């Protein structure tokens, strides 16, 4: 009979990822993105504050002019939506590319 040599099969070694020396990883958000996010959060907070309004002088009476005022019904929701739009802009804003 013929001798058969058994060889051990070695698993393929994983090669480390090769990156070009010129490749620079950029952060997802820049300082400007965070600045816009803070501005949007402040606008939303102001809208919530305007919506909360003040308290009634007499807790036993219901004053419709205070509860259904223009600032609570119109201005506050517009501020909140505006703040959320600023937040969306801050997330999707691409960083400026520096020209060499």
PDB file of N, CA and C in Angstrom:
ATOM      1  N   UNK A   1       0.820  -1.155   0.000  1.00  0.00           N
ATOM      2  CA  UNK A   1       0.000   0.000   0.000  1.00  0.00           C
ATOM      3  C   UNK A   1       0.873   1.230   0.000  1.00  0.00           C
ATOM      4  N   UNK A   2       0.293   2.213  -0.566  1.00  0.00           N
ATOM      5  CA  UNK A   2       1.055   3.455  -0.670  1.00  0.00           C
ATOM      6  C   UNK A   2       0.889   4.262   0.601  1.00  0.00           C
ATOM      7  N   UNK A   3       2.007   4.858   1.010  1.00  0.00           N
ATOM      8  CA  UNK A   3       1.935   5.741   2.177  1.00  0.00           C
ATOM      9  C   UNK A   3       1.334   7.071   1.772  1.00  0.00           C
ATOM     10  N   UNK A   4       0.339   7.440   2.487  1.00  0.00           N
ATOM     11  CA  UNK A   4      -0.272   8.746   2.236  1.00  0.00           C
ATOM     12  C   UNK A   4       0.123   9.653   3.374  1.00  0.00           C
ATOM     13  N   UNK A   5       0.663  10.792   3.003  1.00  0.00           N
ATOM     14  CA  UNK A   5       1.037  11.758   4.019  1.00  0.00           C
ATOM     15  C   UNK A   5      -0.169  12.614   4.355  1.00  0.00           C
ATOM     16  N   UNK A   6      -0.399  12.718   5.611  1.00  0.00           N
ATOM     17  CA  UNK A   6      -1.497  13.576   6.037  1.00  0.00           C
ATOM     18  C   UNK A   6      -0.922  14.940   6.383  1.00  0.00           C
ATOM     19  N   UNK A   7      -1.530  15.933   5.788  1.00  0.00           N
ATOM     20  CA  UNK A   7      -1.084  17.296   6.087  1.00  0.00           C
ATOM     21  C   UNK A   7      -2.203  18.014   6.825  1.00  0.00           C
ATOM     22  N   UNK A   8      -1.825  18.752   7.795  1.00  0.00           N
ATOM     23  CA  UNK A   8      -2.807  19.512   8.569  1.00  0.00           C
ATOM     24  C   UNK A   8      -3.183  20.757   7.774  1.00  0.00           C
ATOM     25  N   UNK A   9      -4.448  20.983   7.713  1.00  0.00           N
ATOM     26  CA  UNK A   9      -4.935  22.163   7.003  1.00  0.00           C
ATOM     27  C   UNK A   9      -4.927  23.322   7.982  1.00  0.00           C
ATOM     28  N   UNK A  10      -4.187  24.358   7.612  1.00  0.00           N
ATOM     29  CA  UNK A  10      -4.098  25.534   8.467  1.00  0.00           C
ATOM     30  C   UNK A  10      -5.195  26.513   8.077  1.00  0.00           C
ATOM     31  N   UNK A  11      -5.862  27.087   9.076  1.00  0.00           N
ATOM     32  CA  UNK A  11      -6.874  28.093   8.735  1.00  0.00           C
ATOM     33  C   UNK A  11      -6.202  29.334   8.154  1.00  0.00           C
ATOM     34  N   UNK A  12      -6.913  29.949   7.240  1.00  0.00           N
ATOM     35  CA  UNK A  12      -6.360  31.145   6.603  1.00  0.00           C
ATOM     36  C   UNK A  12      -6.235  32.250   7.644  1.00  0.00           C
ATOM     37  N   UNK A  13      -5.091  32.817   7.687  1.00  0.00           N
ATOM     38  CA  UNK A  13      -4.862  33.904   8.646  1.00  0.00           C
ATOM     39  C   UNK A  13      -5.566  35.161   8.149  1.00  0.00           C
ATOM     40  N   UNK A  14      -6.247  35.810   9.066  1.00  0.00           N
ATOM     41  CA  UNK A  14      -6.935  37.034   8.658  1.00  0.00           C
ATOM     42  C   UNK A  14      -5.918  38.156   8.561  1.00  0.00           C
ATOM     43  N   UNK A  15      -5.990  38.859   7.461  1.00  0.00           N
ATOM     44  CA  UNK A  15      -5.055  39.952   7.237  1.00  0.00           C
ATOM     45  C   UNK A  15      -5.631  41.225   7.836  1.00  0.00           C
ATOM     46  N   UNK A  16      -4.793  42.025   8.444  1.00  0.00           N
ATOM     47  CA  UNK A  16      -5.302  43.292   8.980  1.00  0.00           C
ATOM     48  C   UNK A  16      -5.723  44.213   7.847  1.00  0.00           C
ATOM     49  N   UNK A  17      -6.712  45.016   8.137  1.00  0.00           N
ATOM     50  CA  UNK A  17      -7.202  45.946   7.122  1.00  0.00           C
ATOM     51  C   UNK A  17      -6.116  46.959   6.796  1.00  0.00           C
ATOM     52  N   UNK A  18      -5.884  47.124   5.534  1.00  0.00           N
ATOM     53  CA  UNK A  18      -4.862  48.059   5.094  1.00  0.00           C
ATOM     54  C   UNK A  18      -5.538  49.380   4.768  1.00  0.00           C
ATOM     55  N   UNK A  19      -5.051  50.408   5.381  1.00  0.00           N
ATOM     56  CA  UNK A  19      -5.598  51.732   5.096  1.00  0.00           C
ATOM     57  C   UNK A  19      -4.510  52.581   4.470  1.00  0.00           C
ATOM     58  N   UNK A  20      -4.931  53.430   3.607  1.00  0.00           N
ATOM     59  CA  UNK A  20      -3.987  54.334   2.969  1.00  0.00           C
ATOM     60  C   UNK A  20      -3.495  55.339   3.996  1.00  0.00           C
ATOM     61  N   UNK A  21      -2.240  55.733   3.909  1.00  0.00           N
ATOM     62  CA  UNK A  21      -1.746  56.700   4.895  1.00  0.00           C
ATOM     63  C   UNK A  21      -2.423  58.061   4.788  1.00  0.00           C
ATOM     64  N   UNK A  22      -3.011  58.339   3.629  1.00  0.00           N
ATOM     65  CA  UNK A  22      -3.686  59.621   3.446  1.00  0.00           C
ATOM     66  C   UNK A  22      -5.117  59.606   3.955  1.00  0.00           C
ATOM     67  N   UNK A  23      -5.644  58.416   4.259  1.00  0.00           N
ATOM     68  CA  UNK A  23      -7.026  58.327   4.704  1.00  0.00           C
ATOM     69  C   UNK A  23      -7.134  58.842   6.131  1.00  0.00           C
ATOM     70  N   UNK A  24      -8.007  59.811   6.312  1.00  0.00           N
ATOM     71  CA  UNK A  24      -8.208  60.405   7.627  1.00  0.00           C
ATOM     72  C   UNK A  24      -9.657  60.168   8.014  1.00  0.00           C
ATOM     73  N   UNK A  25      -9.861  59.608   9.193  1.00  0.00           N
ATOM     74  CA  UNK A  25     -11.226  59.391   9.640  1.00  0.00           C
ATOM     75  C   UNK A  25     -11.769  60.697  10.206  1.00  0.00           C
ATOM     76  N   UNK A  26     -12.927  61.071   9.722  1.00  0.00           N
ATOM     77  CA  UNK A  26     -13.536  62.307  10.186  1.00  0.00           C
ATOM     78  C   UNK A  26     -14.666  61.967  11.137  1.00  0.00           C
ATOM     79  N   UNK A  27     -14.879  62.793  12.137  1.00  0.00           N
ATOM     80  CA  UNK A  27     -15.987  62.526  13.059  1.00  0.00           C
ATOM     81  C   UNK A  27     -17.327  62.719  12.366  1.00  0.00           C
ATOM     82  N   UNK A  28     -18.339  62.072  12.902  1.00  0.00           N
ATOM     83  CA  UNK A  28     -19.664  62.145  12.312  1.00  0.00           C
ATOM     84  C   UNK A  28     -20.239  63.550  12.408  1.00  0.00           C
ATOM     85  N   UNK A  29     -20.095  64.174  13.579  1.00  0.00           N
ATOM     86  CA  UNK A  29     -20.581  65.536  13.779  1.00  0.00           C
ATOM     87  C   UNK A  29     -19.405  66.442  14.095  1.00  0.00           C
ATOM     88  N   UNK A  30     -19.481  67.650  13.591  1.00  0.00           N
ATOM     89  CA  UNK A  30     -18.444  68.633  13.870  1.00  0.00           C
ATOM     90  C   UNK A  30     -18.937  69.597  14.940  1.00  0.00           C
ATOM     91  N   UNK A  31     -18.077  70.537  15.265  1.00  0.00           N
ATOM     92  CA  UNK A  31     -18.427  71.531  16.277  1.00  0.00           C
ATOM     93  C   UNK A  31     -19.638  72.349  15.837  1.00  0.00           C
ATOM     94  N   UNK A  32     -19.705  72.622  14.543  1.00  0.00           N
ATOM     95  CA  UNK A  32     -20.833  73.398  14.012  1.00  0.00           C
ATOM     96  C   UNK A  32     -22.144  72.626  14.119  1.00  0.00           C
ATOM     97  N   UNK A  33     -22.103  71.305  13.908  1.00  0.00           N
ATOM     98  CA  UNK A  33     -23.304  70.483  14.068  1.00  0.00           C
ATOM     99  C   UNK A  33     -23.813  70.543  15.508  1.00  0.00           C
ATOM    100  N   UNK A  34     -22.898  70.421  16.446  1.00  0.00           N
ATOM    101  CA  UNK A  34     -23.298  70.478  17.856  1.00  0.00           C
ATOM    102  C   UNK A  34     -23.845  71.854  18.221  1.00  0.00           C
ATOM    103  N   UNK A  35     -23.287  72.891  17.634  1.00  0.00           N
ATOM    104  CA  UNK A  35     -23.791  74.241  17.897  1.00  0.00           C
ATOM    105  C   UNK A  35     -25.241  74.363  17.427  1.00  0.00           C
ATOM    106  N   UNK A  36     -25.539  73.842  16.226  1.00  0.00           N
ATOM    107  CA  UNK A  36     -26.915  73.882  15.720  1.00  0.00           C
ATOM    108  C   UNK A  36     -27.839  73.014  16.571  1.00  0.00           C
ATOM    109  N   UNK A  37     -27.321  71.888  17.084  1.00  0.00           N
ATOM    110  CA  UNK A  37     -28.146  71.030  17.948  1.00  0.00           C
ATOM    111  C   UNK A  37     -28.515  71.750  19.244  1.00  0.00           C
ATOM    112  N   UNK A  38     -27.572  72.468  19.800  1.00  0.00           N
ATOM    113  CA  UNK A  38     -27.854  73.217  21.031  1.00  0.00           C
ATOM    114  C   UNK A  38     -28.863  74.327  20.761  1.00  0.00           C
ATOM    115  N   UNK A  39     -28.717  75.015  19.638  1.00  0.00           N
ATOM    116  CA  UNK A  39     -29.675  76.071  19.274  1.00  0.00           C
ATOM    117  C   UNK A  39     -31.075  75.485  19.135  1.00  0.00           C
ATOM    118  N   UNK A  40     -31.196  74.342  18.457  1.00  0.00           N
ATOM    119  CA  UNK A  40     -32.496  73.690  18.301  1.00  0.00           C
ATOM    120  C   UNK A  40     -33.089  73.267  19.630  1.00  0.00           C
ATOM    121  N   UNK A  41     -32.255  72.745  20.520  1.00  0.00           N
ATOM    122  CA  UNK A  41     -32.751  72.323  21.832  1.00  0.00           C
ATOM    123  C   UNK A  41     -33.234  73.520  22.646  1.00  0.00           C
ATOM    124  N   UNK A  42     -32.548  74.643  22.537  1.00  0.00           N
ATOM    125  CA  UNK A  42     -32.966  75.851  23.262  1.00  0.00           C
ATOM    126  C   UNK A  42     -34.301  76.350  22.716  1.00  0.00           C
ATOM    127  N   UNK A  43     -34.483  76.307  21.390  1.00  0.00           N
ATOM    128  CA  UNK A  43     -35.749  76.750  20.794  1.00  0.00           C
ATOM    129  C   UNK A  43     -36.898  75.851  21.256  1.00  0.00           C
ATOM    130  N   UNK A  44     -36.664  74.544  21.297  1.00  0.00           N
ATOM    131  CA  UNK A  44     -37.698  73.619  21.779  1.00  0.00           C
ATOM    132  C   UNK A  44     -38.015  73.903  23.245  1.00  0.00           C
ATOM    133  N   UNK A  45     -36.992  74.152  24.053  1.00  0.00           N
ATOM    134  CA  UNK A  45     -37.208  74.432  25.476  1.00  0.00           C
ATOM    135  C   UNK A  45     -37.994  75.732  25.672  1.00  0.00           C
ATOM    136  N   UNK A  46     -37.698  76.744  24.857  1.00  0.00           N
ATOM    137  CA  UNK A  46     -38.451  77.999  24.937  1.00  0.00           C
ATOM    138  C   UNK A  46     -39.906  77.757  24.552  1.00  0.00           C
ATOM    139  N   UNK A  47     -40.140  76.951  23.530  1.00  0.00           N
ATOM    140  CA  UNK A  47     -41.506  76.617  23.130  1.00  0.00           C
ATOM    141  C   UNK A  47     -42.265  75.902  24.235  1.00  0.00           C
ATOM    142  N   UNK A  48     -41.596  74.980  24.923  1.00  0.00           N
ATOM    143  CA  UNK A  48     -42.236  74.281  26.042  1.00  0.00           C
ATOM    144  C   UNK A  48     -42.540  75.246  27.190  1.00  0.00           C
ATOM    145  N   UNK A  49     -41.614  76.162  27.443  1.00  0.00           N
ATOM    146  CA  UNK A  49     -41.826  77.146  28.506  1.00  0.00           C
ATOM    147  C   UNK A  49     -43.003  78.062  28.182  1.00  0.00           C
ATOM    148  N   UNK A  50     -43.096  78.509  26.922  1.00  0.00           N
ATOM    149  CA  UNK A  50     -44.214  79.370  26.521  1.00  0.00           C
ATOM    150  C   UNK A  50     -45.529  78.607  26.615  1.00  0.00           C
ATOM    151  N   UNK A  51     -45.503  77.316  26.271  1.00  0.00           N
ATOM    152  CA  UNK A  51     -46.724  76.516  26.323  1.00  0.00           C
ATOM    153  C   UNK A  51     -47.197  76.308  27.765  1.00  0.00           C
ATOM    154  N   UNK A  52     -46.258  76.236  28.687  1.00  0.00           N
ATOM    155  CA  UNK A  52     -46.663  76.000  30.071  1.00  0.00           C
ATOM    156  C   UNK A  52     -47.420  77.186  30.641  1.00  0.00           C
ATOM    157  N   UNK A  53     -47.050  78.387  30.279  1.00  0.00           N
ATOM    158  CA  UNK A  53     -47.785  79.569  30.712  1.00  0.00           C
ATOM    159  C   UNK A  53     -47.691  79.815  32.198  1.00  0.00           C
ATOM    160  N   UNK A  54     -48.621  80.607  32.704  1.00  0.00           N
ATOM    161  CA  UNK A  54     -48.645  80.946  34.122  1.00  0.00           C
ATOM    162  C   UNK A  54     -49.804  80.258  34.814  1.00  0.00           C
ATOM    163  N   UNK A  55     -49.905  80.496  36.079  1.00  0.00           N
ATOM    164  CA  UNK A  55     -51.001  79.870  36.815  1.00  0.00           C
ATOM    165  C   UNK A  55     -52.129  80.884  37.008  1.00  0.00           C
ATOM    166  N   UNK A  56     -53.284  80.366  37.241  1.00  0.00           N
ATOM    167  CA  UNK A  56     -54.467  81.187  37.448  1.00  0.00           C
ATOM    168  C   UNK A  56     -54.432  81.756  38.869  1.00  0.00           C
ATOM    169  N   UNK A  57     -54.898  82.978  39.023  1.00  0.00           N
ATOM    170  CA  UNK A  57     -54.891  83.614  40.344  1.00  0.00           C
ATOM    171  C   UNK A  57     -55.811  82.872  41.321  1.00  0.00           C
ATOM    172  N   UNK A  58     -56.964  82.452  40.845  1.00  0.00           N
ATOM    173  CA  UNK A  58     -57.902  81.717  41.686  1.00  0.00           C
ATOM    174  C   UNK A  58     -58.009  80.286  41.152  1.00  0.00           C
ATOM    175  N   UNK A  59     -57.571  79.289  41.899  1.00  0.00           N
ATOM    176  CA  UNK A  59     -57.604  77.913  41.390  1.00  0.00           C
ATOM    177  C   UNK A  59     -59.008  77.348  41.233  1.00  0.00           C
ATOM    178  N   UNK A  60     -60.010  78.001  41.787  1.00  0.00           N
ATOM    179  CA  UNK A  60     -61.382  77.495  41.681  1.00  0.00           C
ATOM    180  C   UNK A  60     -62.099  77.979  40.426  1.00  0.00           C
ATOM    181  N   UNK A  61     -61.499  78.885  39.676  1.00  0.00           N
ATOM    182  CA  UNK A  61     -62.129  79.383  38.447  1.00  0.00           C
ATOM    183  C   UNK A  61     -61.314  78.952  37.243  1.00  0.00           C
ATOM    184  N   UNK A  62     -62.021  78.812  36.118  1.00  0.00           N
ATOM    185  CA  UNK A  62     -61.392  78.420  34.864  1.00  0.00           C
ATOM    186  C   UNK A  62     -61.400  79.619  33.929  1.00  0.00           C
ATOM    187  N   UNK A  63     -60.218  80.149  33.638  1.00  0.00           N
ATOM    188  CA  UNK A  63     -60.102  81.313  32.766  1.00  0.00           C
ATOM    189  C   UNK A  63     -59.698  80.833  31.371  1.00  0.00           C
ATOM    190  N   UNK A  64     -60.637  80.887  30.428  1.00  0.00           N
ATOM    191  CA  UNK A  64     -60.359  80.408  29.069  1.00  0.00           C
ATOM    192  C   UNK A  64     -59.341  81.290  28.360  1.00  0.00           C
ATOM    193  N   UNK A  65     -59.271  82.560  28.731  1.00  0.00           N
ATOM    194  CA  UNK A  65     -58.298  83.445  28.083  1.00  0.00           C
ATOM    195  C   UNK A  65     -56.862  83.054  28.420  1.00  0.00           C
ATOM    196  N   UNK A  66     -56.624  82.519  29.591  1.00  0.00           N
ATOM    197  CA  UNK A  66     -55.277  82.063  29.945  1.00  0.00           C
ATOM    198  C   UNK A  66     -54.954  80.713  29.309  1.00  0.00           C
ATOM    199  N   UNK A  67     -55.912  79.792  29.350  1.00  0.00           N
ATOM    200  CA  UNK A  67     -55.655  78.444  28.843  1.00  0.00           C
ATOM    201  C   UNK A  67     -55.551  78.430  27.322  1.00  0.00           C
ATOM    202  N   UNK A  68     -56.440  79.140  26.657  1.00  0.00           N
ATOM    203  CA  UNK A  68     -56.475  79.134  25.194  1.00  0.00           C
ATOM    204  C   UNK A  68     -55.903  80.418  24.616  1.00  0.00           C
ATOM    205  N   UNK A  69     -54.851  80.919  25.198  1.00  0.00           N
ATOM    206  CA  UNK A  69     -54.241  82.149  24.697  1.00  0.00           C
ATOM    207  C   UNK A  69     -53.472  81.858  23.403  1.00  0.00           C
ATOM    208  N   UNK A  70     -53.217  82.903  22.648  1.00  0.00           N
ATOM    209  CA  UNK A  70     -52.514  82.767  21.370  1.00  0.00           C
ATOM    210  C   UNK A  70     -51.105  82.220  21.572  1.00  0.00           C
ATOM    211  N   UNK A  71     -50.471  82.617  22.652  1.00  0.00           N
ATOM    212  CA  UNK A  71     -49.100  82.147  22.871  1.00  0.00           C
ATOM    213  C   UNK A  71     -49.056  80.642  23.137  1.00  0.00           C
ATOM    214  N   UNK A  72     -50.042  80.109  23.847  1.00  0.00           N
ATOM    215  CA  UNK A  72     -50.061  78.671  24.135  1.00  0.00           C
ATOM    216  C   UNK A  72     -50.531  77.846  22.946  1.00  0.00           C
ATOM    217  N   UNK A  73     -51.482  78.352  22.199  1.00  0.00           N
ATOM    218  CA  UNK A  73     -52.091  77.564  21.127  1.00  0.00           C
ATOM    219  C   UNK A  73     -51.338  77.700  19.805  1.00  0.00           C
ATOM    220  N   UNK A  74     -50.736  78.849  19.538  1.00  0.00           N
ATOM    221  CA  UNK A  74     -50.116  79.080  18.238  1.00  0.00           C
ATOM    222  C   UNK A  74     -48.598  79.238  18.322  1.00  0.00           C
ATOM    223  N   UNK A  75     -48.138  80.150  19.148  1.00  0.00           N
ATOM    224  CA  UNK A  75     -46.713  80.482  19.175  1.00  0.00           C
ATOM    225  C   UNK A  75     -45.876  79.315  19.694  1.00  0.00           C
ATOM    226  N   UNK A  76     -46.279  78.702  20.770  1.00  0.00           N
ATOM    227  CA  UNK A  76     -45.499  77.617  21.368  1.00  0.00           C
ATOM    228  C   UNK A  76     -45.334  76.414  20.431  1.00  0.00           C
ATOM    229  N   UNK A  77     -46.405  75.906  19.799  1.00  0.00           N
ATOM    230  CA  UNK A  77     -46.204  74.791  18.867  1.00  0.00           C
ATOM    231  C   UNK A  77     -45.335  75.160  17.667  1.00  0.00           C
ATOM    232  N   UNK A  78     -45.454  76.397  17.193  1.00  0.00           N
ATOM    233  CA  UNK A  78     -44.608  76.830  16.070  1.00  0.00           C
ATOM    234  C   UNK A  78     -43.146  76.841  16.511  1.00  0.00           C
ATOM    235  N   UNK A  79     -42.861  77.307  17.716  1.00  0.00           N
ATOM    236  CA  UNK A  79     -41.486  77.300  18.220  1.00  0.00           C
ATOM    237  C   UNK A  79     -40.954  75.873  18.359  1.00  0.00           C
ATOM    238  N   UNK A  80     -41.777  74.969  18.839  1.00  0.00           N
ATOM    239  CA  UNK A  80     -41.331  73.587  19.008  1.00  0.00           C
ATOM    240  C   UNK A  80     -41.030  72.943  17.661  1.00  0.00           C
ATOM    241  N   UNK A  81     -41.904  73.142  16.694  1.00  0.00           N
ATOM    242  CA  UNK A  81     -41.665  72.570  15.356  1.00  0.00           C
ATOM    243  C   UNK A  81     -40.435  73.212  14.727  1.00  0.00           C
ATOM    244  N   UNK A  82     -40.254  74.503  14.901  1.00  0.00           N
ATOM    245  CA  UNK A  82     -39.071  75.189  14.382  1.00  0.00           C
ATOM    246  C   UNK A  82     -37.801  74.620  15.015  1.00  0.00           C
ATOM    247  N   UNK A  83     -37.843  74.374  16.320  1.00  0.00           N
ATOM    248  CA  UNK A  83     -36.694  73.772  16.997  1.00  0.00           C
ATOM    249  C   UNK A  83     -36.389  72.382  16.485  1.00  0.00           C
ATOM    250  N   UNK A  84     -37.422  71.591  16.208  1.00  0.00           N
ATOM    251  CA  UNK A  84     -37.201  70.251  15.665  1.00  0.00           C
ATOM    252  C   UNK A  84     -36.633  70.304  14.248  1.00  0.00           C
ATOM    253  N   UNK A  85     -37.059  71.287  13.464  1.00  0.00           N
ATOM    254  CA  UNK A  85     -36.485  71.459  12.120  1.00  0.00           C
ATOM    255  C   UNK A  85     -35.011  71.857  12.194  1.00  0.00           C
ATOM    256  N   UNK A  86     -34.671  72.683  13.163  1.00  0.00           N
ATOM    257  CA  UNK A  86     -33.263  73.047  13.357  1.00  0.00           C
ATOM    258  C   UNK A  86     -32.465  71.811  13.755  1.00  0.00           C
ATOM    259  N   UNK A  87     -33.036  70.952  14.569  1.00  0.00           N
ATOM    260  CA  UNK A  87     -32.365  69.706  14.951  1.00  0.00           C
ATOM    261  C   UNK A  87     -32.126  68.806  13.733  1.00  0.00           C
ATOM    262  N   UNK A  88     -33.105  68.703  12.867  1.00  0.00           N
ATOM    263  CA  UNK A  88     -32.949  67.900  11.645  1.00  0.00           C
ATOM    264  C   UNK A  88     -31.856  68.488  10.769  1.00  0.00           C
ATOM    265  N   UNK A  89     -31.844  69.814  10.642  1.00  0.00           N
ATOM    266  CA  UNK A  89     -30.790  70.474   9.868  1.00  0.00           C
ATOM    267  C   UNK A  89     -29.423  70.184  10.473  1.00  0.00           C
ATOM    268  N   UNK A  90     -29.326  70.210  11.800  1.00  0.00           N
ATOM    269  CA  UNK A  90     -28.045  69.976  12.465  1.00  0.00           C
ATOM    270  C   UNK A  90     -27.548  68.558  12.222  1.00  0.00           C
ATOM    271  N   UNK A  91     -28.451  67.614  12.158  1.00  0.00           N
ATOM    272  CA  UNK A  91     -28.042  66.222  11.941  1.00  0.00           C
ATOM    273  C   UNK A  91     -27.587  66.002  10.506  1.00  0.00           C
ATOM    274  N   UNK A  92     -28.284  66.589   9.541  1.00  0.00           N
ATOM    275  CA  UNK A  92     -27.966  66.336   8.135  1.00  0.00           C
ATOM    276  C   UNK A  92     -26.911  67.274   7.557  1.00  0.00           C
ATOM    277  N   UNK A  93     -26.491  68.284   8.285  1.00  0.00           N
ATOM    278  CA  UNK A  93     -25.506  69.231   7.772  1.00  0.00           C
ATOM    279  C   UNK A  93     -24.165  68.536   7.624  1.00  0.00           C
ATOM    280  N   UNK A  94     -23.603  68.648   6.436  1.00  0.00           N
ATOM    281  CA  UNK A  94     -22.308  68.038   6.172  1.00  0.00           C
ATOM    282  C   UNK A  94     -21.205  69.023   6.538  1.00  0.00           C
ATOM    283  N   UNK A  95     -20.090  68.504   7.041  1.00  0.00           N
ATOM    284  CA  UNK A  95     -18.992  69.416   7.386  1.00  0.00           C
ATOM    285  C   UNK A  95     -18.353  70.004   6.138  1.00  0.00           C
ATOM    286  N   UNK A  96     -17.824  71.203   6.286  1.00  0.00           N
ATOM    287  CA  UNK A  96     -17.158  71.854   5.166  1.00  0.00           C
ATOM    288  C   UNK A  96     -15.827  71.166   4.900  1.00  0.00           C
ATOM    289  N   UNK A  97     -15.537  70.960   3.618  1.00  0.00           N
ATOM    290  CA  UNK A  97     -14.280  70.319   3.228  1.00  0.00           C
ATOM    291  C   UNK A  97     -13.237  71.402   3.012  1.00  0.00           C
ATOM    292  N   UNK A  98     -12.094  71.231   3.665  1.00  0.00           N
ATOM    293  CA  UNK A  98     -11.034  72.220   3.528  1.00  0.00           C
ATOM    294  C   UNK A  98     -10.258  71.944   2.244  1.00  0.00           C
ATOM    295  N   UNK A  99     -10.088  72.990   1.459  1.00  0.00           N
ATOM    296  CA  UNK A  99      -9.326  72.870   0.219  1.00  0.00           C
ATOM    297  C   UNK A  99      -7.851  73.102   0.525  1.00  0.00           C
ATOM    298  N   UNK A 100      -7.000  72.247  -0.024  1.00  0.00           N
ATOM    299  CA  UNK A 100      -5.560  72.400   0.198  1.00  0.00           C
ATOM    300  C   UNK A 100      -4.930  73.223  -0.894  1.00  0.00           C
TER     301      UNK A 100
END
